[in-house]
C-alpha atoms as a PDB file:
ATOM      1  CA  PHE A   1     -30.724 -47.962 -13.619  1.00  0.00           C
ATOM      2  CA  GLU A   2     -27.070 -46.338 -13.809  1.00  0.00           C
ATOM      3  CA  THR A   3     -24.711 -45.145 -15.926  1.00  0.00           C
ATOM      4  CA  ALA A   4     -20.822 -43.620 -15.940  1.00  0.00           C
ATOM      5  CA  GLY A   5     -19.564 -43.658 -12.623  1.00  0.00           C
ATOM      6  CA  ALA A   6     -21.552 -42.334  -9.167  1.00  0.00           C
ATOM      7  CA  GLY A   7     -24.608 -44.282  -9.090  1.00  0.00           C
ATOM      8  CA  PRO A   8     -22.586 -47.674 -10.026  1.00  0.00           C
ATOM      9  CA  THR A   9     -19.970 -46.969  -6.766  1.00  0.00           C
ATOM     10  CA  ALA A  10     -22.855 -46.835  -4.105  1.00  0.00           C
ATOM     11  CA  SER A  11     -24.962 -50.308  -5.577  1.00  0.00           C
ATOM     12  CA  LYS A  12     -21.113 -51.688  -6.166  1.00  0.00           C
ATOM     13  CA  LEU A  13     -20.867 -51.724  -2.355  1.00  0.00           C
ATOM     14  CA  LEU A  14     -23.739 -52.745  -1.513  1.00  0.00           C
ATOM     15  CA  ALA A  15     -22.968 -56.046  -3.965  1.00  0.00           C
ATOM     16  CA  GLU A  16     -19.459 -55.895  -2.062  1.00  0.00           C
ATOM     17  CA  TYR A  17     -21.233 -56.180   1.561  1.00  0.00           C
ATOM     18  CA  GLY A  18     -23.459 -59.082   0.098  1.00  0.00           C
ATOM     19  CA  ALA A  19     -26.866 -57.623  -1.961  1.00  0.00           C
ATOM     20  CA  GLU A  20     -28.210 -59.219  -4.856  1.00  0.00           C
ATOM     21  CA  VAL A  21     -27.588 -55.831  -7.211  1.00  0.00           C
ATOM     22  CA  ILE A  22     -29.441 -56.243 -10.125  1.00  0.00           C
ATOM     23  CA  MET A  23     -28.175 -53.673 -13.006  1.00  0.00           C
ATOM     24  CA  ILE A  24     -30.668 -52.780 -15.576  1.00  0.00           C
ATOM     25  CA  GLU A  25     -29.634 -51.514 -18.551  1.00  0.00           C
ATOM     26  CA  PRO A  26     -31.004 -50.578 -21.954  1.00  0.00           C
ATOM     27  CA  LEU A  27     -30.284 -53.201 -24.969  1.00  0.00           C
ATOM     28  CA  ASN A  28     -27.341 -51.167 -26.624  1.00  0.00           C
ATOM     29  CA  GLY A  29     -25.816 -51.566 -23.311  1.00  0.00           C
ATOM     30  CA  ILE A  30     -24.223 -48.344 -20.831  1.00  0.00           C
ATOM     31  CA  ASN A  31     -21.259 -45.841 -21.330  1.00  0.00           C
ATOM     32  CA  THR A  32     -18.730 -47.713 -19.201  1.00  0.00           C
ATOM     33  CA  ARG A  33     -19.341 -50.790 -20.363  1.00  0.00           C
ATOM     34  CA  ILE A  34     -16.658 -49.605 -23.069  1.00  0.00           C
ATOM     35  CA  SER A  35     -14.539 -48.574 -20.096  1.00  0.00           C
ATOM     36  CA  ARG A  36     -11.664 -50.372 -19.112  1.00  0.00           C
ATOM     37  CA  SER A  37     -12.910 -49.483 -15.802  1.00  0.00           C
ATOM     38  CA  PHE A  38     -16.326 -51.322 -16.385  1.00  0.00           C
ATOM     39  CA  ASP A  39     -15.149 -54.227 -13.728  1.00  0.00           C
ATOM     40  CA  PHE A  40     -14.021 -52.577 -11.368  1.00  0.00           C
ATOM     41  CA  TYR A  41     -17.860 -50.406 -11.228  1.00  0.00           C
ATOM     42  CA  PHE A  42     -20.157 -53.593 -11.835  1.00  0.00           C
ATOM     43  CA  LEU A  43     -18.125 -56.591 -10.169  1.00  0.00           C
ATOM     44  CA  HIS A  44     -20.453 -58.961  -8.166  1.00  0.00           C
ATOM     45  CA  LYS A  45     -23.407 -57.653  -9.799  1.00  0.00           C
ATOM     46  CA  LYS A  46     -26.180 -59.014 -12.191  1.00  0.00           C
ATOM     47  CA  SER A  47     -27.529 -57.487 -15.515  1.00  0.00           C
ATOM     48  CA  ILE A  48     -30.278 -57.753 -17.335  1.00  0.00           C
ATOM     49  CA  ALA A  49     -30.425 -55.586 -20.987  1.00  0.00           C
ATOM     50  CA  VAL A  50     -34.696 -53.724 -20.599  1.00  0.00           C
ATOM     51  CA  ASN A  51     -36.315 -51.755 -22.937  1.00  0.00           C
ATOM     52  CA  MET A  52     -37.819 -49.638 -21.055  1.00  0.00           C
ATOM     53  CA  LYS A  53     -39.729 -47.830 -23.848  1.00  0.00           C
ATOM     54  CA  THR A  54     -42.078 -50.307 -24.286  1.00  0.00           C
ATOM     55  CA  PRO A  55     -44.875 -51.757 -22.009  1.00  0.00           C
ATOM     56  CA  GLU A  56     -42.952 -55.372 -21.682  1.00  0.00           C
ATOM     57  CA  GLY A  57     -39.818 -54.129 -20.401  1.00  0.00           C
ATOM     58  CA  MET A  58     -41.589 -51.545 -17.853  1.00  0.00           C
ATOM     59  CA  GLU A  59     -43.463 -54.864 -16.404  1.00  0.00           C
ATOM     60  CA  ILE A  60     -40.183 -56.574 -16.500  1.00  0.00           C
ATOM     61  CA  VAL A  61     -38.524 -52.945 -14.455  1.00  0.00           C
ATOM     62  CA  HIS A  62     -41.721 -53.342 -11.977  1.00  0.00           C
ATOM     63  CA  ARG A  63     -41.811 -57.434 -11.520  1.00  0.00           C
ATOM     64  CA  LEU A  64     -37.588 -56.493 -10.414  1.00  0.00           C
ATOM     65  CA  LEU A  65     -38.862 -53.568  -8.089  1.00  0.00           C
ATOM     66  CA  ARG A  66     -41.830 -55.957  -6.532  1.00  0.00           C
ATOM     67  CA  ASP A  67     -39.388 -57.844  -4.425  1.00  0.00           C
ATOM     68  CA  ALA A  68     -36.872 -54.922  -4.038  1.00  0.00           C
ATOM     69  CA  ASP A  69     -35.109 -53.464  -0.795  1.00  0.00           C
ATOM     70  CA  VAL A  70     -33.606 -50.656  -2.835  1.00  0.00           C
ATOM     71  CA  PHE A  71     -33.514 -48.591  -5.973  1.00  0.00           C
ATOM     72  CA  VAL A  72     -30.714 -47.112  -7.491  1.00  0.00           C
ATOM     73  CA  SER A  73     -30.450 -45.282  -9.566  1.00  0.00           C
ATOM     74  CA  ASN A  74     -28.248 -41.936 -11.186  1.00  0.00           C
ATOM     75  CA  TYR A  75     -30.753 -40.973 -14.493  1.00  0.00           C
ATOM     76  CA  ARG A  76     -31.465 -37.215 -14.515  1.00  0.00           C
ATOM     77  CA  LYS A  77     -34.313 -36.584 -12.578  1.00  0.00           C
ATOM     78  CA  LYS A  78     -36.764 -35.532 -15.702  1.00  0.00           C
ATOM     79  CA  VAL A  79     -35.324 -39.212 -17.120  1.00  0.00           C
ATOM     80  CA  ILE A  80     -36.772 -40.573 -14.312  1.00  0.00           C
ATOM     81  CA  ASP A  81     -39.883 -38.833 -13.840  1.00  0.00           C
ATOM     82  CA  LYS A  82     -40.784 -39.930 -17.776  1.00  0.00           C
ATOM     83  CA  PHE A  83     -40.868 -43.752 -16.902  1.00  0.00           C
ATOM     84  CA  GLY A  84     -42.635 -43.328 -13.497  1.00  0.00           C
ATOM     85  CA  LEU A  85     -39.821 -44.187 -11.943  1.00  0.00           C
ATOM     86  CA  ASP A  86     -39.880 -41.308  -8.783  1.00  0.00           C
ATOM     87  CA  TYR A  87     -39.722 -41.222  -5.440  1.00  0.00           C
ATOM     88  CA  GLU A  88     -43.543 -40.613  -5.581  1.00  0.00           C
ATOM     89  CA  SER A  89     -44.758 -43.210  -7.787  1.00  0.00           C
ATOM     90  CA  LEU A  90     -42.810 -46.467  -6.882  1.00  0.00           C
ATOM     91  CA  HIS A  91     -43.313 -45.711  -2.691  1.00  0.00           C
ATOM     92  CA  GLU A  92     -46.974 -45.679  -3.565  1.00  0.00           C
ATOM     93  CA  LYS A  93     -46.591 -48.928  -6.099  1.00  0.00           C
ATOM     94  CA  TYR A  94     -43.904 -50.222  -3.367  1.00  0.00           C
ATOM     95  CA  PRO A  95     -44.105 -48.633   0.367  1.00  0.00           C
ATOM     96  CA  ARG A  96     -41.470 -50.983   1.070  1.00  0.00           C
ATOM     97  CA  LEU A  97     -39.239 -49.728  -1.321  1.00  0.00           C
ATOM     98  CA  ILE A  98     -35.977 -47.385  -0.674  1.00  0.00           C
ATOM     99  CA  HIS A  99     -35.636 -45.052  -3.026  1.00  0.00           C
ATOM    100  CA  ALA A 100     -31.928 -43.870  -3.670  1.00  0.00           C
ATOM    101  CA  THR A 101     -30.903 -41.289  -6.449  1.00  0.00           C
ATOM    102  CA  LEU A 102     -27.840 -39.813  -7.084  1.00  0.00           C
ATOM    103  CA  THR A 103     -27.588 -37.050 -10.247  1.00  0.00           C
ATOM    104  CA  GLY A 104     -25.117 -34.047 -10.900  1.00  0.00           C
ATOM    105  CA  TYR A 105     -26.503 -30.698  -9.699  1.00  0.00           C
ATOM    106  CA  GLY A 106     -29.641 -32.434  -7.578  1.00  0.00           C
ATOM    107  CA  GLU A 107     -33.538 -32.401  -7.817  1.00  0.00           C
ATOM    108  CA  HIS A 108     -34.437 -28.846  -7.304  1.00  0.00           C
ATOM    109  CA  GLY A 109     -32.621 -25.309  -9.010  1.00  0.00           C
ATOM    110  CA  PRO A 110     -31.856 -24.215 -12.277  1.00  0.00           C
ATOM    111  CA  MET A 111     -29.672 -26.604 -12.823  1.00  0.00           C
ATOM    112  CA  LYS A 112     -31.232 -29.908 -12.074  1.00  0.00           C
ATOM    113  CA  ASP A 113     -31.957 -31.816 -15.169  1.00  0.00           C
ATOM    114  CA  ALA A 114     -28.207 -30.488 -16.452  1.00  0.00           C
ATOM    115  CA  PRO A 115     -26.191 -33.659 -17.361  1.00  0.00           C
ATOM    116  CA  GLY A 116     -23.248 -33.757 -14.276  1.00  0.00           C
ATOM    117  CA  PHE A 117     -19.913 -35.402 -14.239  1.00  0.00           C
ATOM    118  CA  ASP A 118     -17.449 -36.097 -11.709  1.00  0.00           C
ATOM    119  CA  THR A 119     -15.035 -33.331 -14.031  1.00  0.00           C
ATOM    120  CA  THR A 120     -17.950 -30.863 -14.208  1.00  0.00           C
ATOM    121  CA  ALA A 121     -20.244 -30.945 -11.471  1.00  0.00           C
ATOM    122  CA  TYR A 122     -17.692 -32.723  -8.408  1.00  0.00           C
ATOM    123  CA  TRP A 123     -13.886 -30.487  -9.765  1.00  0.00           C
ATOM    124  CA  GLY A 124     -15.415 -27.752 -11.238  1.00  0.00           C
ATOM    125  CA  ARG A 125     -18.374 -25.818 -10.293  1.00  0.00           C
ATOM    126  CA  ALA A 126     -17.919 -27.424  -6.567  1.00  0.00           C
ATOM    127  CA  GLY A 127     -14.286 -25.431  -6.934  1.00  0.00           C
ATOM    128  CA  LEU A 128     -11.742 -28.293  -6.225  1.00  0.00           C
ATOM    129  CA  ALA A 129      -9.946 -27.706  -8.972  1.00  0.00           C
ATOM    130  CA  LYS A 130      -8.761 -24.493  -8.031  1.00  0.00           C
ATOM    131  CA  THR A 131      -8.534 -25.371  -4.564  1.00  0.00           C
ATOM    132  CA  VAL A 132      -6.228 -28.614  -5.279  1.00  0.00           C
ATOM    133  CA  ARG A 133      -3.095 -26.346  -7.706  1.00  0.00           C
ATOM    134  CA  GLU A 134       0.058 -24.319  -7.390  1.00  0.00           C
ATOM    135  CA  LYS A 135      -0.159 -21.193  -6.498  1.00  0.00           C
ATOM    136  CA  ASP A 136      -0.780 -19.126  -9.216  1.00  0.00           C
ATOM    137  CA  GLY A 137      -0.777 -21.511 -11.073  1.00  0.00           C
ATOM    138  CA  ASP A 138      -3.531 -23.211 -13.459  1.00  0.00           C
ATOM    139  CA  PRO A 139      -6.916 -25.728 -12.397  1.00  0.00           C
ATOM    140  CA  ILE A 140      -5.280 -29.115 -12.028  1.00  0.00           C
ATOM    141  CA  VAL A 141      -6.341 -31.970 -14.822  1.00  0.00           C
ATOM    142  CA  THR A 142      -8.622 -33.712 -12.682  1.00  0.00           C
ATOM    143  CA  PRO A 143      -7.893 -37.067 -11.574  1.00  0.00           C
ATOM    144  CA  SER A 144     -11.099 -39.323 -12.996  1.00  0.00           C
ATOM    145  CA  SER A 145     -14.067 -40.645 -11.050  1.00  0.00           C
ATOM    146  CA  ILE A 146     -12.639 -39.537  -7.557  1.00  0.00           C
ATOM    147  CA  GLY A 147     -15.610 -37.586  -7.739  1.00  0.00           C
ATOM    148  CA  ASP A 148     -17.602 -40.510  -8.836  1.00  0.00           C
ATOM    149  CA  ILE A 149     -16.287 -42.536  -6.175  1.00  0.00           C
ATOM    150  CA  GLY A 150     -16.912 -40.693  -3.114  1.00  0.00           C
ATOM    151  CA  THR A 151     -20.209 -39.313  -4.314  1.00  0.00           C
ATOM    152  CA  GLY A 152     -21.214 -43.132  -4.863  1.00  0.00           C
ATOM    153  CA  THR A 153     -19.543 -44.300  -1.523  1.00  0.00           C
ATOM    154  CA  MET A 154     -22.051 -41.189   0.334  1.00  0.00           C
ATOM    155  CA  LEU A 155     -25.057 -42.414  -1.301  1.00  0.00           C
ATOM    156  CA  CYS A 156     -24.155 -46.212  -0.459  1.00  0.00           C
ATOM    157  CA  GLY A 157     -23.438 -44.645   3.468  1.00  0.00           C
ATOM    158  CA  GLY A 158     -27.157 -42.808   3.007  1.00  0.00           C
ATOM    159  CA  ILE A 159     -28.713 -46.148   1.749  1.00  0.00           C
ATOM    160  CA  LEU A 160     -27.271 -48.193   4.714  1.00  0.00           C
ATOM    161  CA  GLY A 161     -28.384 -45.952   7.099  1.00  0.00           C
ATOM    162  CA  ALA A 162     -32.059 -45.776   5.345  1.00  0.00           C
ATOM    163  CA  LEU A 163     -32.102 -49.150   5.267  1.00  0.00           C
ATOM    164  CA  TYR A 164     -31.740 -49.048   8.979  1.00  0.00           C
ATOM    165  CA  HIS A 165     -34.073 -46.907   9.061  1.00  0.00           C
ATOM    166  CA  ARG A 166     -36.506 -48.788   8.002  1.00  0.00           C
ATOM    167  CA  GLU A 167     -35.812 -51.828  10.394  1.00  0.00           C
ATOM    168  CA  ARG A 168     -36.580 -50.023  12.796  1.00  0.00           C
ATOM    169  CA  THR A 169     -40.060 -47.958  12.062  1.00  0.00           C
ATOM    170  CA  GLY A 170     -40.844 -49.467   9.122  1.00  0.00           C
ATOM    171  CA  GLU A 171     -40.937 -46.875   6.735  1.00  0.00           C
ATOM    172  CA  ALA A 172     -38.507 -46.558   3.333  1.00  0.00           C
ATOM    173  CA  MET A 173     -37.235 -43.095   2.693  1.00  0.00           C
ATOM    174  CA  LYS A 174     -35.617 -41.219  -0.407  1.00  0.00           C
ATOM    175  CA  VAL A 175     -31.542 -41.094  -0.144  1.00  0.00           C
ATOM    176  CA  TYR A 176     -30.291 -38.390  -2.590  1.00  0.00           C
ATOM    177  CA  ILE A 177     -27.025 -36.633  -3.098  1.00  0.00           C
ATOM    178  CA  SER A 178     -25.389 -34.809  -6.374  1.00  0.00           C
ATOM    179  CA  LEU A 179     -22.205 -34.683  -7.644  1.00  0.00           C
ATOM    180  CA  TYR A 180     -21.707 -30.862  -7.080  1.00  0.00           C
ATOM    181  CA  ALA A 181     -23.326 -31.396  -3.076  1.00  0.00           C
ATOM    182  CA  ALA A 182     -20.653 -33.963  -2.479  1.00  0.00           C
ATOM    183  CA  GLY A 183     -18.004 -31.613  -4.490  1.00  0.00           C
ATOM    184  CA  VAL A 184     -19.227 -28.533  -1.768  1.00  0.00           C
ATOM    185  CA  TRP A 185     -19.169 -30.408   1.289  1.00  0.00           C
ATOM    186  CA  GLN A 186     -15.660 -32.077   0.397  1.00  0.00           C
ATOM    187  CA  ASN A 187     -14.332 -28.522  -0.327  1.00  0.00           C
ATOM    188  CA  ASP A 188     -16.139 -26.999   2.609  1.00  0.00           C
ATOM    189  CA  GLU A 189     -13.028 -25.947   4.891  1.00  0.00           C
ATOM    190  CA  GLN A 190     -10.896 -23.990   1.384  1.00  0.00           C
ATOM    191  CA  MET A 191     -14.774 -22.353   0.992  1.00  0.00           C
ATOM    192  CA  ILE A 192     -14.495 -21.027   5.056  1.00  0.00           C
ATOM    193  CA  PHE A 193     -10.492 -19.905   4.314  1.00  0.00           C
ATOM    194  CA  SER A 194     -11.537 -17.664   1.079  1.00  0.00           C
ATOM    195  CA  GLN A 195     -14.468 -15.922   3.047  1.00  0.00           C
ATOM    196  CA  LEU A 196     -12.727 -16.040   6.482  1.00  0.00           C
ATOM    197  CA  GLY A 197      -8.929 -16.091   6.156  1.00  0.00           C
ATOM    198  CA  TYR A 198      -6.298 -18.863   6.889  1.00  0.00           C
ATOM    199  CA  PRO A 199      -6.199 -19.649  10.954  1.00  0.00           C
END
């Protein structure tokens, strides 16, 4: 249940590690399908187009979830909630299902429902665009998809940790990250330097 680049990166890595990944798309496809990077994000995945606005479409989704180990999404929380695919709802129905989400700005706070992209949430708001520039120069034109790929890789690591945890304890967890949080984490040294000075 993915779009753009960040969520698909996490499931692409799982597919490369040998997982069977089934991508659920709307009937008109996803926005990344028209880009040159489509093969990068969706190699080794199976795909099914589903009208999730119908009961029949949601039945297909739930048939897939019954036997799944992991549900990955990078839609905003309000979209996930609208379809009843939030962690609480799915955990009640499928207690062994790991729920993994990636959003622009997280699940709490005033920005939780705002759309977030690599350039805005990761590079802009997290301060990375200002950090990587010449002294007194303008912020850089950000390289495409670095934030998406880095954040998706972090989510994949969380999913693998959750699978290991479930193997040991039987407990399925919720794993989530945001582009903004990943950008702040990767910019942490510069933030410390800006407050305390360079060593």
